[in-house]
Amino acid sequence: MNIPDQSRIPILEALSRYTQGNPAYFRIPGHRGPRGINVRFRAFAGDGIFSLDRTETPLLDDLHSPREAIREAQELAADLFGADRTWFSVNGTSAGIQAMMLACASPGEKIILPRNAHRSCLSGLILGDIRPVYARPGFITDWEIPGGLRAGDVRHALAEHPDAKAVLAVSPTYHGLTSDLAGMAEACHEAGVALLVDEAHGAHFYFSDALPAGALASGADACAQSTHKVLGALTQASMVHVRGSRVSAERLSAAMKILQTTSPSYLLMASLDCARQDMALHGGEWTDRALNLAAVLCRGMDDIPGIRYLKAALKDPARITIDVSGLGLTGFGAKKALFEEHGVDMELADLSSVTGIITGANTKEDIERLLSALRSLASRAPVPPGGRTAVQARPAEPPQAPAVLMPRQAFFADAKAILWEQSRGRIAAETIALYPPGIPVVYPGEIITPEVWEYVDKNRQAGCRIQGPSDTMLDTVRVID
């Protein structure tokens, strides 16, 4: 039996051999290593990194037809994560999610997915002319955040839609909440459909028993991971894994070729390869550091009046959500103050909380700076610590916008821009998503009901960024004409 050598870094090794040869270069990219790079960029980043920015050669292999270094790197990743086959994505997990959807459903066929799915799922629906069947995820009402899908809800949806081709779950969510993937896999497989998992925030789950089980270990048929979000890869670098035969590897591979650039970055691919090697050799240490730092943070927050942090059984302990409404602050205001006044940059904010990600690359100093900043916010709270403010007064969960058109129909329909104030009751021609995390409140083809309008507008007025509309300020919105 040939045991994979997880200490190897095939793509980096190939790049090293190529650059050491110092060939006279007549290929793309045009910068020729550091020589053609802006001098300020070179001074900031150093020269070495630009020598690794290459294109496909026989020595460096080809992402779209891997035979040597890239093929070996993907095989090592598959071995590490327990997949039968792995693809590297330089177009992020978004491309991976869309490829999984296209691999499972043909035009007009159904996929069951949660309402809090990432907006990349909408792109998959439009590209494949797939009919969405939305399942309501669990909701933590006293935190006003969505959780994961429940196995019972999946069984119910499959019973109502026995012609569905797949179930797409989000686990973990942006807040670190996980689903009962094992129960969902059982329900899906009994119904003869595939379980797909958006595991963008869970690539580290495979390296510690103190974390929830990973999607593949829980019975999922395919998953897409953002290696760059929680491990050591560069931004935009992700992986897609398949296990078993319920998802066609051939069709998924074809979809990845359609969705990915024909000029893939070797920096991104090398970073995936290096991150895989790091986790293969030191994954336990990486996750232990993150978990220990998270525990230090939580102990420190226990002594700060007016704040609380999210605790849940099925949760990533290294994803920290902090409710600041007891300080009289919105999450948006707290995130702004933490960054501008204290140099602490959090990942996510909503009307009442901020969320941060702790990885194995964080330090104890990072934790102390966050705790110091939170103590400062608490010391000058505009309301007595512990007193709730009006910032929490919003619907318990996003209202459901009724659909009247398929997403693809709405995308290609005639549309016009009208004032946001006049959009109640109109059919949306574009997505309206609160970012981060980028979860659509309105999909194209859905009616902007008064309840939906109020929910979006309250978040907008509180400072939430809006993604999707052509007018990013949402003074106007495109509707079906």
Foldseek 3Di string as FASTA:
>chain_A
DDDQDLLDLLQVVLLVVVVVVVDPDDDDDPCSQVNNDDPVVCVVPPRPVSSSFDFDDPSNAALLDGDPSLLSLQVLLCVLQVFPTKHKFLQALLLVLLLQLQLFDAAPAEEEEELQDFCSVLVSCQVRNYFYDYFHAPFDLVVLDGAWRELVSLLVSCVVPLRHAEYEIEAHDLQFHGYQLLSNLVSQVVSPHAYEYACQPPPLQSQDPVADHDNVVSRHQKYKYNCCPFFFAPPSIIMIGGHDPNGPPVSSSVSSVVRGDSGRTSSRSSRSSVRSSCCVVPSNLWLVQLLVLLVVLQVLVVPQFQKDWDDDDRGGSQKIKMFNQLLVAFQVRLQVCCCPVQVQHFADGFLTITIHGGTSPDDNVNSVSVSVSSNVSSVPRPDPGPDGDPSPPADSYQDAFDADDRLNCLQPADKDKDFLVPQAQFAASKFKAFPVVNRTSHGHRTGCHPSNSVRSVSRLVSPTFIPIAPPRNRRIGMTHD
